[in-house]
Amino acid sequence: MRTVFYLPCAALLSSCTLLTAPHGAPDGHSVRAMLAAQVLDPGAPAGAPVAVGLDGRSAARAHAAYEKSFGEHQVAAPAPAPETTK
């Protein structure tokens, strides 16, 4: 009796598995493509120094200004309603 139940269940479950993604790309292809797109210079030698961005002092000032902007809640005056002419 159990075989009658388990055999169709096994057949249904095995039909749901695919060896490749439905679009034909292998599993994980989108993740590898996303990681490759984040590389700044793929032709650069490994371990070469990279100088991109701000120096520490400028970054600290920018971050402080960003944090300070949340403490200053300024309410702007509402915009005037457009005039309608007939």
Protein backbone atom coordinates (compact mmCIF):
# COMPACT_ATOMS: atom_id res chain seq x y z
CA MET A 1 0.00 0.00 0.00
CA ARG A 2 2.85 2.38 0.81
CA THR A 3 4.47 1.77 -2.57
CA VAL A 4 1.28 2.89 -4.29
CA PHE A 5 1.53 6.22 -2.46
CA TYR A 6 5.30 6.80 -2.50
CA LEU A 7 5.97 5.89 -6.13
CA PRO A 8 3.75 8.62 -7.63
CA CYS A 9 5.06 11.14 -5.08
CA ALA A 10 8.65 10.34 -6.03
CA ALA A 11 7.81 10.66 -9.71
CA LEU A 12 6.17 14.05 -9.18
CA LEU A 13 9.04 15.39 -7.07
CA SER A 14 11.70 14.22 -9.50
CA SER A 15 9.92 15.91 -12.39
CA CYS A 16 10.29 19.28 -10.63
CA THR A 17 14.08 19.22 -10.66
CA LEU A 18 16.06 20.67 -13.53
CA LEU A 19 19.74 20.24 -14.27
CA THR A 20 20.06 23.79 -15.61
CA ALA A 21 18.09 26.95 -15.15
CA PRO A 22 15.03 27.36 -17.39
CA HIS A 23 16.73 30.10 -19.42
CA GLY A 24 19.68 27.85 -20.26
CA ALA A 25 22.35 29.55 -18.13
CA PRO A 26 24.10 27.43 -15.51
CA ASP A 27 23.22 27.95 -11.87
CA GLY A 28 24.96 30.93 -10.31
CA HIS A 29 25.72 32.63 -13.62
CA SER A 30 23.89 35.82 -12.67
CA VAL A 31 25.78 36.07 -9.38
CA ARG A 32 29.15 35.58 -11.08
CA ALA A 33 28.23 38.16 -13.73
CA MET A 34 27.22 40.67 -11.04
CA LEU A 35 30.48 40.17 -9.15
CA ALA A 36 32.51 40.54 -12.35
CA ALA A 37 30.69 43.79 -13.17
CA GLN A 38 31.88 45.29 -9.87
CA VAL A 39 35.57 44.94 -10.71
CA LEU A 40 37.07 48.39 -11.24
CA ASP A 41 39.81 47.40 -13.69
CA PRO A 42 39.90 43.73 -14.71
CA GLY A 43 43.24 44.23 -16.49
CA ALA A 44 45.03 45.63 -13.44
CA PRO A 45 47.74 43.49 -11.88
CA ALA A 46 46.78 41.80 -8.63
CA GLY A 47 47.90 43.63 -5.53
CA ALA A 48 48.48 46.98 -7.28
CA PRO A 49 47.54 50.00 -5.15
CA VAL A 50 44.22 51.56 -6.02
CA ALA A 51 43.65 55.27 -5.34
CA VAL A 52 39.95 55.86 -5.84
CA GLY A 53 37.71 57.91 -3.58
CA LEU A 54 38.31 60.45 -0.85
CA ASP A 55 41.11 60.82 1.63
CA GLY A 56 40.19 60.13 5.24
CA ARG A 57 39.90 63.76 6.32
CA SER A 58 37.52 64.70 3.49
CA ALA A 59 35.46 61.57 4.00
CA ALA A 60 35.10 62.32 7.72
CA ARG A 61 33.93 65.89 6.98
CA ALA A 62 31.43 64.63 4.39
CA HIS A 63 30.09 62.03 6.81
CA ALA A 64 29.79 64.60 9.61
CA ALA A 65 27.86 66.95 7.32
CA TYR A 66 25.61 64.06 6.29
CA GLU A 67 24.90 63.12 9.92
CA LYS A 68 24.31 66.76 10.86
CA SER A 69 21.74 67.14 8.08
CA PHE A 70 19.43 64.74 9.92
CA GLY A 71 19.50 66.86 13.07
CA GLU A 72 18.35 70.01 11.30
CA HIS A 73 14.71 69.58 10.43
CA GLN A 74 13.81 72.64 8.42
CA VAL A 75 10.25 72.86 7.26
CA ALA A 76 10.00 74.57 3.90
CA ALA A 77 7.13 76.90 3.17
CA PRO A 78 4.45 75.28 1.03
CA ALA A 79 4.56 76.14 -2.64
CA PRO A 80 1.98 78.67 -3.74
CA ALA A 81 -1.02 77.30 -5.56
CA PRO A 82 -0.95 77.89 -9.31
CA GLU A 83 -3.21 80.68 -10.46
CA THR A 84 -6.00 79.68 -12.76
CA THR A 85 -7.23 82.11 -15.38
CA LYS A 86 -10.53 81.75 -17.16
